Every structure is written in structure tokens, then in C-alpha cells.
């Protein structure tokens, strides 16, 4: 399993009560006929913002909870936050036509995911591979694994609408990640790690 963390978050979790997500349980429900041996989770460490000061604390709690799952490996990209000037969509007839905004951008996760997917497939690490993402940038690496290496490759879509470009890679199967699966795949409110430390679900979640 290859999980694009930000694509999953913005597609299925943001603004919904499913953020305390147990990836092993989700994979078990979505891929019941497969024996899931490894879940690679691709993300980046977020930074606090004036409108969201506690985001890093919540994310660290979640990453610690994921650390209790034996099959999960976390791979990090980078998260950039910077002010930038952008054009107004509907500029006034007089006055400024641009506005300065705080732009956040996650870098590296799609490249990391594609790299590990290809390397694992070349090594023949598994009989089947599944990708949790709707990022059309992954079309070519998935196509190579599916059609040039002849592997079973599934797409698990976290977004409301499936990318038609991504489907051109012709995966072995494609499934939608629905609310019922997410709701049934939550960690308990208190998770205990290997040292006996208690990890609590963030109150805002």
C-alpha cells in the first residue's frame, strides 16, 4: 500500500470526523482478499500558522499513533510556507489588482511515492500494489508497474471525483474510499505505544 497522505487528507478527511484513521484497518476493509504486508505513508511535517497554531501538535499525535502499527512506514517530504503575491480573481476598476497571501505547499510526497512504488515493483517485493491517491502525476509510474512489469495494481480514490487521466494507466481495479470505511477504521480515543505512553486523539478531531 502506498498512501499519499495529503491527497487522502484533503480528499476524505478535512472537515470530517475521520482524521484519527487507522491505516491498517482501512486497508483490511478495502482489500479484504489481500494480505497487506506493508503500508508506506507519504507526508510532510506541517508548520503552525496564525489561523492554525496547533496543527503540528495534532499531526505529531497522529504520527505517533501510526507508529504503533507494525506494517506502517512513514516517508517524509517537505512542507513550505511563504508569503506570495497573487492576482485577484475579480480586480476592482481602481486600486490594487493583487493581494499578498500565505501560500502553503507540500513538496516531494508524489515523487517519493512513485520512487518506492517503482523500486518495490522492480524488486518483486509483493504480488499486488495499491495506491491511495487521485494525483494524476502518478499516472506514468502506475502504468509502468501495471503494464510493463505486469503487476496487479489497484487505485483507491480518496477524492469525490476520480481523475480520468489517472485511470488511463488502466489499473487492475479501482475503488472509492467511502465514509463507511473511514468511520469503521478509527483508532480508539487512547492509543498506547510500545513504551506504555498514552497517545490521545486531539480534541478538535
N, C-alpha and C. Protein backbone atom coordinates (compact mmCIF):
# COMPACT_ATOMS: atom_id res chain seq x y z
N UNK A 1 0.84 -1.19 0.00
CA UNK A 1 0.00 0.00 0.00
C UNK A 1 0.88 1.24 0.00
N UNK A 2 0.48 2.21 -0.80
CA UNK A 2 1.21 3.47 -0.92
C UNK A 2 0.19 4.60 -0.72
N UNK A 3 0.30 5.29 0.39
CA UNK A 3 -0.73 6.26 0.79
C UNK A 3 -0.20 7.68 0.63
N UNK A 4 -0.79 8.45 -0.25
CA UNK A 4 -0.48 9.87 -0.42
C UNK A 4 -1.24 10.61 0.68
N UNK A 5 -0.53 10.93 1.76
CA UNK A 5 -1.16 11.45 2.97
C UNK A 5 -1.95 12.72 2.76
N UNK A 6 -1.40 13.69 2.01
CA UNK A 6 -2.11 14.95 1.81
C UNK A 6 -3.29 14.79 0.87
N UNK A 7 -3.15 13.93 -0.14
CA UNK A 7 -4.26 13.67 -1.05
C UNK A 7 -5.41 13.00 -0.29
N UNK A 8 -5.06 12.08 0.59
CA UNK A 8 -6.08 11.43 1.43
C UNK A 8 -6.72 12.45 2.37
N UNK A 9 -5.92 13.30 2.98
CA UNK A 9 -6.45 14.28 3.94
C UNK A 9 -7.43 15.25 3.26
N UNK A 10 -6.99 15.85 2.18
CA UNK A 10 -7.84 16.86 1.54
C UNK A 10 -9.01 16.24 0.79
N UNK A 11 -8.89 14.98 0.40
CA UNK A 11 -9.97 14.34 -0.32
C UNK A 11 -11.03 13.72 0.56
N UNK A 12 -10.61 13.17 1.72
CA UNK A 12 -11.55 12.38 2.53
C UNK A 12 -11.66 12.80 3.99
N UNK A 13 -10.68 13.54 4.53
CA UNK A 13 -10.62 13.73 5.97
C UNK A 13 -10.86 15.17 6.43
N UNK A 14 -10.42 16.14 5.68
CA UNK A 14 -10.55 17.53 6.12
C UNK A 14 -12.01 17.89 6.34
N UNK A 15 -12.31 18.48 7.50
CA UNK A 15 -13.67 18.89 7.80
C UNK A 15 -14.61 17.75 8.13
N UNK A 16 -14.07 16.54 8.32
CA UNK A 16 -14.90 15.36 8.61
C UNK A 16 -14.34 14.66 9.86
N UNK A 17 -15.14 13.84 10.52
CA UNK A 17 -14.72 13.25 11.80
C UNK A 17 -13.94 11.94 11.65
N UNK A 18 -13.07 11.87 10.63
CA UNK A 18 -12.38 10.61 10.36
C UNK A 18 -10.86 10.73 10.40
N UNK A 19 -10.33 11.82 10.96
CA UNK A 19 -8.88 12.08 10.88
C UNK A 19 -8.05 11.11 11.71
N UNK A 20 -8.62 10.50 12.76
CA UNK A 20 -7.89 9.58 13.64
C UNK A 20 -7.89 8.19 13.00
N UNK A 21 -7.33 8.13 11.78
CA UNK A 21 -7.54 7.00 10.89
C UNK A 21 -6.48 5.91 11.08
N UNK A 22 -6.94 4.70 11.35
CA UNK A 22 -6.07 3.52 11.44
C UNK A 22 -5.89 2.96 10.03
N UNK A 23 -4.71 3.16 9.47
CA UNK A 23 -4.48 2.77 8.08
C UNK A 23 -4.54 1.26 7.89
N UNK A 24 -4.08 0.50 8.87
CA UNK A 24 -4.17 -0.95 8.75
C UNK A 24 -5.61 -1.41 8.65
N UNK A 25 -6.47 -0.84 9.48
CA UNK A 25 -7.88 -1.23 9.45
C UNK A 25 -8.52 -0.81 8.13
N UNK A 26 -8.21 0.38 7.65
CA UNK A 26 -8.77 0.84 6.39
C UNK A 26 -8.37 -0.10 5.25
N UNK A 27 -7.10 -0.49 5.23
CA UNK A 27 -6.63 -1.39 4.17
C UNK A 27 -7.29 -2.76 4.27
N UNK A 28 -7.48 -3.22 5.49
CA UNK A 28 -8.15 -4.51 5.69
C UNK A 28 -9.56 -4.49 5.14
N UNK A 29 -10.27 -3.39 5.36
CA UNK A 29 -11.66 -3.29 4.88
C UNK A 29 -11.72 -3.10 3.37
N UNK A 30 -10.79 -2.36 2.81
CA UNK A 30 -10.80 -2.10 1.37
C UNK A 30 -10.25 -3.25 0.55
N UNK A 31 -9.32 -4.01 1.15
CA UNK A 31 -8.61 -5.05 0.40
C UNK A 31 -8.67 -6.36 1.15
N UNK A 32 -9.88 -6.79 1.48
CA UNK A 32 -10.06 -7.96 2.32
C UNK A 32 -9.44 -9.24 1.80
N UNK A 33 -9.36 -9.39 0.47
CA UNK A 33 -8.83 -10.64 -0.06
C UNK A 33 -7.31 -10.64 -0.17
N UNK A 34 -6.68 -9.50 0.16
CA UNK A 34 -5.22 -9.42 0.13
C UNK A 34 -4.65 -9.46 1.55
N UNK A 35 -3.45 -9.97 1.66
CA UNK A 35 -2.70 -9.94 2.92
C UNK A 35 -1.76 -8.74 2.84
N UNK A 36 -2.13 -7.64 3.50
CA UNK A 36 -1.35 -6.39 3.41
C UNK A 36 -0.12 -6.50 4.31
N UNK A 37 1.05 -6.53 3.70
CA UNK A 37 2.30 -6.71 4.43
C UNK A 37 2.95 -5.39 4.82
N UNK A 38 2.76 -4.35 4.00
CA UNK A 38 3.44 -3.09 4.29
C UNK A 38 2.60 -1.93 3.77
N UNK A 39 2.56 -0.88 4.57
CA UNK A 39 1.86 0.35 4.18
C UNK A 39 2.88 1.48 4.23
N UNK A 40 3.16 2.06 3.10
CA UNK A 40 4.05 3.22 3.05
C UNK A 40 3.18 4.48 3.05
N UNK A 41 3.40 5.33 4.04
CA UNK A 41 2.60 6.56 4.22
C UNK A 41 3.50 7.75 3.92
N UNK A 42 3.10 8.57 2.95
CA UNK A 42 3.91 9.69 2.49
C UNK A 42 3.27 11.00 2.94
N UNK A 43 4.06 11.79 3.67
CA UNK A 43 3.52 13.03 4.23
C UNK A 43 4.65 14.03 4.39
N UNK A 44 4.38 15.14 5.03
CA UNK A 44 5.38 16.14 5.39
C UNK A 44 4.96 16.77 6.70
N UNK A 45 5.93 17.24 7.46
CA UNK A 45 5.63 17.87 8.75
C UNK A 45 5.08 19.27 8.51
N UNK A 46 3.85 19.51 8.98
CA UNK A 46 3.24 20.81 8.79
C UNK A 46 3.82 21.82 9.77
N UNK A 47 3.63 23.08 9.46
CA UNK A 47 4.09 24.17 10.33
C UNK A 47 2.89 24.93 10.86
N UNK A 48 3.07 25.53 12.03
CA UNK A 48 1.96 26.30 12.58
C UNK A 48 1.75 27.56 11.76
N UNK A 49 0.47 27.95 11.68
CA UNK A 49 0.08 29.17 11.00
C UNK A 49 -0.79 29.98 11.94
N UNK A 50 -0.90 31.29 11.72
CA UNK A 50 -1.72 32.11 12.62
C UNK A 50 -3.15 31.60 12.76
N UNK A 51 -3.69 31.01 11.69
CA UNK A 51 -5.06 30.51 11.74
C UNK A 51 -5.15 29.05 12.17
N UNK A 52 -3.99 28.43 12.45
CA UNK A 52 -3.99 27.01 12.80
C UNK A 52 -2.73 26.69 13.61
N UNK A 53 -2.65 27.23 14.82
CA UNK A 53 -1.44 27.13 15.61
C UNK A 53 -1.14 25.71 16.09
N UNK A 54 -2.17 24.88 16.25
CA UNK A 54 -1.97 23.57 16.87
C UNK A 54 -1.89 22.43 15.86
N UNK A 55 -1.85 22.75 14.56
CA UNK A 55 -1.77 21.70 13.55
C UNK A 55 -0.57 20.78 13.74
N UNK A 56 0.64 21.32 14.03
CA UNK A 56 1.79 20.42 14.22
C UNK A 56 1.61 19.46 15.40
N UNK A 57 0.98 19.93 16.47
CA UNK A 57 0.77 19.08 17.65
C UNK A 57 -0.19 17.94 17.30
N UNK A 58 -1.26 18.26 16.59
CA UNK A 58 -2.22 17.22 16.19
C UNK A 58 -1.57 16.22 15.25
N UNK A 59 -0.78 16.72 14.31
CA UNK A 59 -0.12 15.81 13.38
C UNK A 59 0.85 14.89 14.10
N UNK A 60 1.61 15.42 15.05
CA UNK A 60 2.56 14.58 15.79
C UNK A 60 1.83 13.48 16.57
N UNK A 61 0.68 13.81 17.14
CA UNK A 61 -0.09 12.78 17.84
C UNK A 61 -0.50 11.69 16.87
N UNK A 62 -0.93 12.08 15.69
CA UNK A 62 -1.35 11.08 14.70
C UNK A 62 -0.18 10.23 14.23
N UNK A 63 0.97 10.86 13.98
CA UNK A 63 2.13 10.09 13.54
C UNK A 63 2.60 9.12 14.63
N UNK A 64 2.47 9.50 15.88
CA UNK A 64 2.81 8.58 16.98
C UNK A 64 1.83 7.41 17.01
N UNK A 65 0.56 7.69 16.76
CA UNK A 65 -0.43 6.61 16.70
C UNK A 65 -0.12 5.66 15.55
N UNK A 66 0.23 6.21 14.38
CA UNK A 66 0.62 5.36 13.25
C UNK A 66 1.83 4.51 13.60
N UNK A 67 2.72 5.05 14.44
CA UNK A 67 3.92 4.32 14.83
C UNK A 67 3.64 3.06 15.62
N UNK A 68 2.41 2.91 16.12
CA UNK A 68 2.05 1.68 16.85
C UNK A 68 1.62 0.57 15.91
N UNK A 69 1.48 0.88 14.63
CA UNK A 69 1.04 -0.12 13.64
C UNK A 69 2.27 -0.76 13.00
N UNK A 70 2.47 -2.05 13.17
CA UNK A 70 3.71 -2.69 12.71
C UNK A 70 3.94 -2.63 11.20
N UNK A 71 2.90 -2.53 10.41
CA UNK A 71 3.10 -2.56 8.95
C UNK A 71 3.34 -1.19 8.34
N UNK A 72 3.22 -0.11 9.13
CA UNK A 72 3.28 1.24 8.58
C UNK A 72 4.70 1.80 8.63
N UNK A 73 5.15 2.33 7.50
CA UNK A 73 6.41 3.07 7.41
C UNK A 73 6.08 4.47 6.91
N UNK A 74 6.59 5.50 7.59
CA UNK A 74 6.31 6.90 7.23
C UNK A 74 7.49 7.46 6.45
N UNK A 75 7.21 8.09 5.33
CA UNK A 75 8.23 8.71 4.49
C UNK A 75 7.91 10.19 4.37
N UNK A 76 8.92 11.04 4.59
CA UNK A 76 8.68 12.48 4.69
C UNK A 76 9.17 13.24 3.46
N UNK A 77 8.31 14.13 2.98
CA UNK A 77 8.69 15.16 2.05
C UNK A 77 8.93 16.43 2.85
N UNK A 78 8.64 17.59 2.26
CA UNK A 78 8.80 18.86 2.97
C UNK A 78 7.54 19.69 2.79
N UNK A 79 7.35 20.62 3.72
CA UNK A 79 6.17 21.48 3.72
C UNK A 79 6.64 22.92 3.74
N UNK A 80 6.33 23.67 2.71
CA UNK A 80 6.81 25.04 2.57
C UNK A 80 5.67 26.02 2.81
N UNK A 81 5.96 27.05 3.60
CA UNK A 81 5.00 28.13 3.84
C UNK A 81 5.70 29.44 3.55
N UNK A 82 5.13 30.24 2.66
CA UNK A 82 5.78 31.51 2.33
C UNK A 82 4.73 32.51 1.84
N UNK A 83 4.98 33.80 2.09
CA UNK A 83 4.08 34.82 1.53
C UNK A 83 4.35 34.98 0.04
N UNK A 84 3.29 35.17 -0.72
CA UNK A 84 3.44 35.37 -2.16
C UNK A 84 2.33 36.30 -2.65
N UNK A 85 2.61 37.02 -3.69
CA UNK A 85 1.63 37.96 -4.23
C UNK A 85 0.91 37.31 -5.40
N UNK A 86 -0.43 37.41 -5.40
CA UNK A 86 -1.24 36.77 -6.44
C UNK A 86 -2.27 37.75 -6.98
N UNK A 87 -2.69 37.50 -8.21
CA UNK A 87 -3.70 38.33 -8.86
C UNK A 87 -5.07 38.08 -8.24
N UNK A 88 -5.87 39.12 -8.09
CA UNK A 88 -7.25 38.98 -7.65
C UNK A 88 -8.08 38.37 -8.78
N UNK A 89 -9.00 37.48 -8.43
CA UNK A 89 -9.86 36.87 -9.44
C UNK A 89 -10.76 37.91 -10.10
N UNK A 90 -11.25 38.86 -9.31
CA UNK A 90 -12.11 39.93 -9.82
C UNK A 90 -11.56 41.27 -9.34
N UNK A 91 -10.51 41.76 -10.00
CA UNK A 91 -9.90 43.02 -9.54
C UNK A 91 -10.84 44.20 -9.71
N UNK A 92 -10.77 45.17 -8.80
CA UNK A 92 -11.62 46.37 -8.92
C UNK A 92 -11.15 47.24 -10.08
N UNK A 93 -12.01 48.14 -10.50
CA UNK A 93 -11.66 49.02 -11.62
C UNK A 93 -10.53 49.97 -11.25
N UNK A 94 -10.41 50.24 -9.96
CA UNK A 94 -9.30 51.07 -9.49
C UNK A 94 -8.75 50.47 -8.20
N UNK A 95 -7.51 50.75 -7.93
CA UNK A 95 -6.90 50.20 -6.72
C UNK A 95 -6.06 48.97 -7.02
N UNK A 96 -5.55 48.31 -5.99
CA UNK A 96 -4.64 47.16 -6.18
C UNK A 96 -5.32 46.02 -6.93
N UNK A 97 -4.57 45.39 -7.80
CA UNK A 97 -5.07 44.25 -8.57
C UNK A 97 -4.48 42.93 -8.07
N UNK A 98 -3.63 43.04 -7.06
CA UNK A 98 -3.02 41.84 -6.48
C UNK A 98 -3.19 41.87 -4.96
N UNK A 99 -2.97 40.73 -4.32
CA UNK A 99 -3.04 40.63 -2.87
C UNK A 99 -1.95 39.68 -2.41
N UNK A 100 -1.41 39.95 -1.24
CA UNK A 100 -0.38 39.06 -0.69
C UNK A 100 -1.05 38.00 0.18
N UNK A 101 -0.73 36.75 -0.06
CA UNK A 101 -1.33 35.64 0.68
C UNK A 101 -0.22 34.76 1.24
N UNK A 102 -0.57 33.95 2.26
CA UNK A 102 0.35 32.95 2.77
C UNK A 102 0.09 31.66 2.01
N UNK A 103 1.06 31.22 1.25
CA UNK A 103 0.91 30.03 0.41
C UNK A 103 1.61 28.85 1.07
N UNK A 104 0.89 27.76 1.21
CA UNK A 104 1.48 26.53 1.75
C UNK A 104 1.54 25.50 0.63
N UNK A 105 2.63 24.77 0.60
CA UNK A 105 2.84 23.81 -0.48
C UNK A 105 3.61 22.61 0.05
N UNK A 106 3.07 21.44 -0.22
CA UNK A 106 3.75 20.20 0.16
C UNK A 106 4.57 19.72 -1.02
N UNK A 107 5.84 19.39 -0.75
CA UNK A 107 6.75 19.01 -1.83
C UNK A 107 7.35 17.63 -1.55
N UNK A 108 7.40 16.82 -2.58
CA UNK A 108 8.18 15.60 -2.50
C UNK A 108 7.41 14.31 -2.32
N UNK A 109 6.19 14.37 -1.78
CA UNK A 109 5.49 13.12 -1.48
C UNK A 109 5.15 12.33 -2.75
N UNK A 110 4.71 13.02 -3.81
CA UNK A 110 4.35 12.29 -5.02
C UNK A 110 5.58 11.64 -5.65
N UNK A 111 6.71 12.35 -5.63
CA UNK A 111 7.95 11.78 -6.17
C UNK A 111 8.41 10.60 -5.31
N UNK A 112 8.35 10.76 -4.00
CA UNK A 112 8.74 9.67 -3.11
C UNK A 112 7.85 8.45 -3.32
N UNK A 113 6.55 8.67 -3.42
CA UNK A 113 5.62 7.56 -3.62
C UNK A 113 5.94 6.83 -4.94
N UNK A 114 6.10 7.58 -6.00
CA UNK A 114 6.40 6.97 -7.30
C UNK A 114 7.71 6.19 -7.25
N UNK A 115 8.71 6.74 -6.56
CA UNK A 115 10.01 6.08 -6.47
C UNK A 115 9.91 4.74 -5.76
N UNK A 116 9.28 4.74 -4.59
CA UNK A 116 9.16 3.49 -3.83
C UNK A 116 8.29 2.48 -4.55
N UNK A 117 7.23 2.94 -5.20
CA UNK A 117 6.37 2.03 -5.96
C UNK A 117 7.18 1.33 -7.05
N UNK A 118 7.95 2.08 -7.80
CA UNK A 118 8.74 1.50 -8.88
C UNK A 118 9.83 0.58 -8.35
N UNK A 119 10.55 1.02 -7.33
CA UNK A 119 11.64 0.21 -6.78
C UNK A 119 11.10 -1.09 -6.20
N UNK A 120 10.02 -1.01 -5.44
CA UNK A 120 9.43 -2.22 -4.84
C UNK A 120 8.96 -3.18 -5.92
N UNK A 121 8.37 -2.63 -6.98
CA UNK A 121 7.89 -3.49 -8.06
C UNK A 121 9.06 -4.15 -8.80
N UNK A 122 10.13 -3.39 -9.07
CA UNK A 122 11.31 -3.97 -9.72
C UNK A 122 11.93 -5.07 -8.87
N UNK A 123 11.87 -4.90 -7.55
CA UNK A 123 12.42 -5.91 -6.63
C UNK A 123 11.49 -7.10 -6.45
N UNK A 124 10.30 -7.00 -7.02
CA UNK A 124 9.30 -8.05 -6.88
C UNK A 124 8.95 -8.29 -5.41
N UNK A 125 8.76 -7.18 -4.68
CA UNK A 125 8.52 -7.23 -3.23
C UNK A 125 7.14 -7.75 -2.88
N UNK A 126 6.19 -7.70 -3.82
CA UNK A 126 4.82 -8.10 -3.49
C UNK A 126 4.14 -8.63 -4.74
N UNK A 127 3.03 -9.30 -4.52
CA UNK A 127 2.23 -9.81 -5.65
C UNK A 127 1.25 -8.76 -6.16
N UNK A 128 0.94 -7.79 -5.31
CA UNK A 128 0.00 -6.74 -5.70
C UNK A 128 0.38 -5.44 -5.02
N UNK A 129 0.03 -4.33 -5.65
CA UNK A 129 0.36 -3.00 -5.16
C UNK A 129 -0.91 -2.14 -5.24
N UNK A 130 -1.15 -1.32 -4.22
CA UNK A 130 -2.32 -0.45 -4.23
C UNK A 130 -1.91 0.96 -3.84
N UNK A 131 -2.46 1.95 -4.53
CA UNK A 131 -2.10 3.35 -4.32
C UNK A 131 -3.33 4.12 -3.86
N UNK A 132 -3.19 4.81 -2.72
CA UNK A 132 -4.24 5.68 -2.20
C UNK A 132 -3.92 7.10 -2.65
N UNK A 133 -4.50 7.52 -3.75
CA UNK A 133 -4.27 8.88 -4.27
C UNK A 133 -5.17 9.09 -5.47
N UNK A 134 -5.37 10.36 -5.79
CA UNK A 134 -6.06 10.73 -7.03
C UNK A 134 -5.21 11.72 -7.82
N UNK A 135 -3.89 11.66 -7.57
CA UNK A 135 -2.95 12.59 -8.20
C UNK A 135 -2.59 12.07 -9.59
N UNK A 136 -2.95 12.81 -10.61
CA UNK A 136 -2.70 12.35 -11.98
C UNK A 136 -1.21 12.31 -12.31
N UNK A 137 -0.35 12.96 -11.50
CA UNK A 137 1.09 12.88 -11.72
C UNK A 137 1.62 11.45 -11.54
N UNK A 138 0.82 10.59 -10.90
CA UNK A 138 1.25 9.20 -10.68
C UNK A 138 0.85 8.27 -11.83
N UNK A 139 0.24 8.83 -12.86
CA UNK A 139 -0.25 8.00 -13.97
C UNK A 139 0.86 7.16 -14.59
N UNK A 140 1.98 7.76 -14.92
CA UNK A 140 3.03 7.03 -15.63
C UNK A 140 3.70 5.96 -14.77
N UNK A 141 4.12 6.24 -13.52
CA UNK A 141 4.70 5.16 -12.73
C UNK A 141 3.73 4.00 -12.49
N UNK A 142 2.45 4.30 -12.30
CA UNK A 142 1.47 3.21 -12.13
C UNK A 142 1.34 2.42 -13.42
N UNK A 143 1.32 3.10 -14.56
CA UNK A 143 1.23 2.41 -15.85
C UNK A 143 2.41 1.47 -16.04
N UNK A 144 3.62 1.93 -15.69
CA UNK A 144 4.82 1.10 -15.86
C UNK A 144 4.73 -0.15 -15.00
N UNK A 145 4.34 0.02 -13.73
CA UNK A 145 4.24 -1.13 -12.83
C UNK A 145 3.17 -2.10 -13.31
N UNK A 146 2.06 -1.57 -13.79
CA UNK A 146 0.94 -2.42 -14.21
C UNK A 146 1.23 -3.12 -15.54
N UNK A 147 1.70 -2.38 -16.53
CA UNK A 147 1.72 -2.91 -17.89
C UNK A 147 3.10 -3.29 -18.41
N UNK A 148 4.16 -2.69 -17.86
CA UNK A 148 5.49 -3.10 -18.30
C UNK A 148 6.09 -4.15 -17.36
N UNK A 149 5.75 -4.07 -16.08
CA UNK A 149 6.22 -5.08 -15.13
C UNK A 149 5.18 -6.16 -14.87
N UNK A 150 3.96 -5.94 -15.34
CA UNK A 150 2.92 -6.96 -15.27
C UNK A 150 2.38 -7.23 -13.87
N UNK A 151 2.39 -6.22 -13.01
CA UNK A 151 1.93 -6.39 -11.64
C UNK A 151 0.44 -6.07 -11.50
N UNK A 152 -0.17 -6.62 -10.47
CA UNK A 152 -1.52 -6.22 -10.06
C UNK A 152 -1.40 -4.87 -9.36
N UNK A 153 -2.11 -3.88 -9.85
CA UNK A 153 -2.07 -2.53 -9.25
C UNK A 153 -3.49 -2.02 -9.09
N UNK A 154 -3.83 -1.62 -7.87
CA UNK A 154 -5.14 -1.05 -7.59
C UNK A 154 -5.06 0.42 -7.25
N UNK A 155 -6.12 1.14 -7.58
CA UNK A 155 -6.26 2.55 -7.20
C UNK A 155 -7.37 2.67 -6.17
N UNK A 156 -7.07 3.35 -5.05
CA UNK A 156 -8.07 3.62 -4.03
C UNK A 156 -8.23 5.13 -3.97
N UNK A 157 -9.35 5.63 -4.45
CA UNK A 157 -9.55 7.06 -4.65
C UNK A 157 -10.14 7.73 -3.42
N UNK A 158 -9.41 8.71 -2.82
CA UNK A 158 -9.95 9.43 -1.67
C UNK A 158 -10.76 10.67 -2.03
N UNK A 159 -10.77 11.04 -3.31
CA UNK A 159 -11.41 12.28 -3.74
C UNK A 159 -12.86 12.01 -4.18
N UNK A 160 -13.71 13.02 -4.16
CA UNK A 160 -15.11 12.81 -4.59
C UNK A 160 -15.24 12.38 -6.04
N UNK A 161 -14.34 12.86 -6.91
CA UNK A 161 -14.40 12.54 -8.34
C UNK A 161 -13.07 11.93 -8.75
N UNK A 162 -13.12 10.83 -9.46
CA UNK A 162 -11.91 10.15 -9.91
C UNK A 162 -11.26 10.90 -11.08
N UNK A 163 -9.94 11.07 -11.01
CA UNK A 163 -9.19 11.66 -12.11
C UNK A 163 -9.25 10.74 -13.32
N UNK A 164 -9.80 11.24 -14.42
CA UNK A 164 -9.89 10.42 -15.63
C UNK A 164 -8.51 10.20 -16.25
N UNK A 165 -7.62 11.18 -16.08
CA UNK A 165 -6.26 10.99 -16.59
C UNK A 165 -5.57 9.85 -15.85
N UNK A 166 -5.76 9.78 -14.53
CA UNK A 166 -5.14 8.71 -13.76
C UNK A 166 -5.65 7.35 -14.19
N UNK A 167 -6.91 7.27 -14.56
CA UNK A 167 -7.48 6.00 -15.00
C UNK A 167 -6.91 5.51 -16.33
N UNK A 168 -6.24 6.41 -17.07
CA UNK A 168 -5.64 5.97 -18.33
C UNK A 168 -4.49 5.00 -18.11
N UNK A 169 -3.99 4.89 -16.88
CA UNK A 169 -2.96 3.89 -16.59
C UNK A 169 -3.55 2.49 -16.56
N UNK A 170 -4.88 2.38 -16.65
CA UNK A 170 -5.61 1.11 -16.68
C UNK A 170 -5.23 0.18 -15.52
N UNK A 171 -5.55 0.59 -14.29
CA UNK A 171 -5.23 -0.25 -13.14
C UNK A 171 -6.00 -1.56 -13.16
N UNK A 172 -5.53 -2.51 -12.38
CA UNK A 172 -6.22 -3.80 -12.28
C UNK A 172 -7.61 -3.61 -11.69
N UNK A 173 -7.71 -2.73 -10.69
CA UNK A 173 -9.01 -2.41 -10.10
C UNK A 173 -8.96 -0.99 -9.56
N UNK A 174 -10.14 -0.40 -9.37
CA UNK A 174 -10.25 0.95 -8.83
C UNK A 174 -11.44 0.99 -7.89
N UNK A 175 -11.23 1.57 -6.70
CA UNK A 175 -12.30 1.64 -5.71
C UNK A 175 -12.33 3.03 -5.07
N UNK A 176 -13.51 3.43 -4.66
CA UNK A 176 -13.71 4.68 -3.95
C UNK A 176 -13.59 4.44 -2.45
N UNK A 177 -12.90 5.35 -1.75
CA UNK A 177 -12.83 5.27 -0.29
C UNK A 177 -14.05 6.02 0.27
N UNK A 178 -14.97 5.29 0.86
CA UNK A 178 -16.24 5.87 1.30
C UNK A 178 -16.27 6.11 2.81
N UNK A 179 -17.22 6.93 3.22
CA UNK A 179 -17.32 7.33 4.62
C UNK A 179 -17.50 6.14 5.55
N UNK A 180 -18.23 5.11 5.12
CA UNK A 180 -18.45 3.95 5.98
C UNK A 180 -17.16 3.26 6.35
N UNK A 181 -16.26 3.12 5.39
CA UNK A 181 -14.95 2.50 5.66
C UNK A 181 -14.13 3.39 6.58
N UNK A 182 -14.12 4.68 6.33
CA UNK A 182 -13.36 5.60 7.18
C UNK A 182 -13.87 5.58 8.61
N UNK A 183 -15.19 5.59 8.77
CA UNK A 183 -15.78 5.57 10.11
C UNK A 183 -15.48 4.30 10.87
N UNK A 184 -15.36 3.18 10.14
CA UNK A 184 -15.08 1.89 10.78
C UNK A 184 -13.58 1.65 10.97
N UNK A 185 -12.75 2.61 10.59
CA UNK A 185 -11.30 2.43 10.63
C UNK A 185 -10.61 3.41 11.58
N UNK A 186 -11.30 3.82 12.62
CA UNK A 186 -10.74 4.80 13.55
C UNK A 186 -9.98 4.12 14.69
N UNK A 187 -8.87 4.75 15.10
CA UNK A 187 -8.19 4.35 16.33
C UNK A 187 -9.13 4.58 17.51
N UNK A 188 -8.95 3.87 18.62
CA UNK A 188 -9.66 4.25 19.84
C UNK A 188 -9.18 5.61 20.32
N UNK A 189 -9.93 6.32 21.15
CA UNK A 189 -9.52 7.65 21.60
C UNK A 189 -8.16 7.68 22.29
N UNK A 190 -7.80 6.58 22.95
CA UNK A 190 -6.50 6.47 23.62
C UNK A 190 -5.74 5.29 23.01
N UNK A 191 -4.53 5.58 22.51
CA UNK A 191 -3.67 4.54 21.93
C UNK A 191 -2.42 4.45 22.80
N UNK A 192 -1.99 3.24 23.11
CA UNK A 192 -0.80 3.03 23.95
C UNK A 192 0.33 2.53 23.06
N UNK A 193 1.50 3.20 23.12
CA UNK A 193 2.62 2.77 22.29
C UNK A 193 3.46 1.71 23.00
N UNK A 194 4.56 1.31 22.39
CA UNK A 194 5.36 0.22 22.92
C UNK A 194 6.03 0.51 24.24
N UNK A 195 6.15 1.78 24.60
CA UNK A 195 6.76 2.16 25.88
C UNK A 195 5.72 2.31 26.99
N UNK A 196 4.46 2.15 26.64
CA UNK A 196 3.38 2.34 27.61
C UNK A 196 2.84 3.75 27.65
N UNK A 197 3.39 4.64 26.81
CA UNK A 197 2.89 6.02 26.76
C UNK A 197 1.54 6.07 26.07
N UNK A 198 0.67 6.93 26.58
CA UNK A 198 -0.68 7.07 26.04
C UNK A 198 -0.71 8.20 25.01
N UNK A 199 -1.26 7.90 23.84
CA UNK A 199 -1.43 8.90 22.78
C UNK A 199 -2.92 9.18 22.67
N UNK A 200 -3.31 10.42 22.87
CA UNK A 200 -4.73 10.77 22.88
C UNK A 200 -5.16 11.42 21.57
N UNK A 201 -6.33 11.07 21.15
CA UNK A 201 -6.91 11.71 19.97
C UNK A 201 -7.07 13.20 20.22
N UNK A 202 -6.59 14.06 19.32
CA UNK A 202 -6.76 15.50 19.50
C UNK A 202 -8.23 15.88 19.71
N UNK A 203 -8.47 16.76 20.65
CA UNK A 203 -9.83 17.14 20.98
C UNK A 203 -10.61 17.71 19.82
N UNK A 204 -9.92 18.45 18.92
CA UNK A 204 -10.59 19.08 17.78
C UNK A 204 -11.04 18.06 16.74
N UNK A 205 -10.54 16.84 16.83
CA UNK A 205 -10.88 15.80 15.87
C UNK A 205 -12.08 14.98 16.32
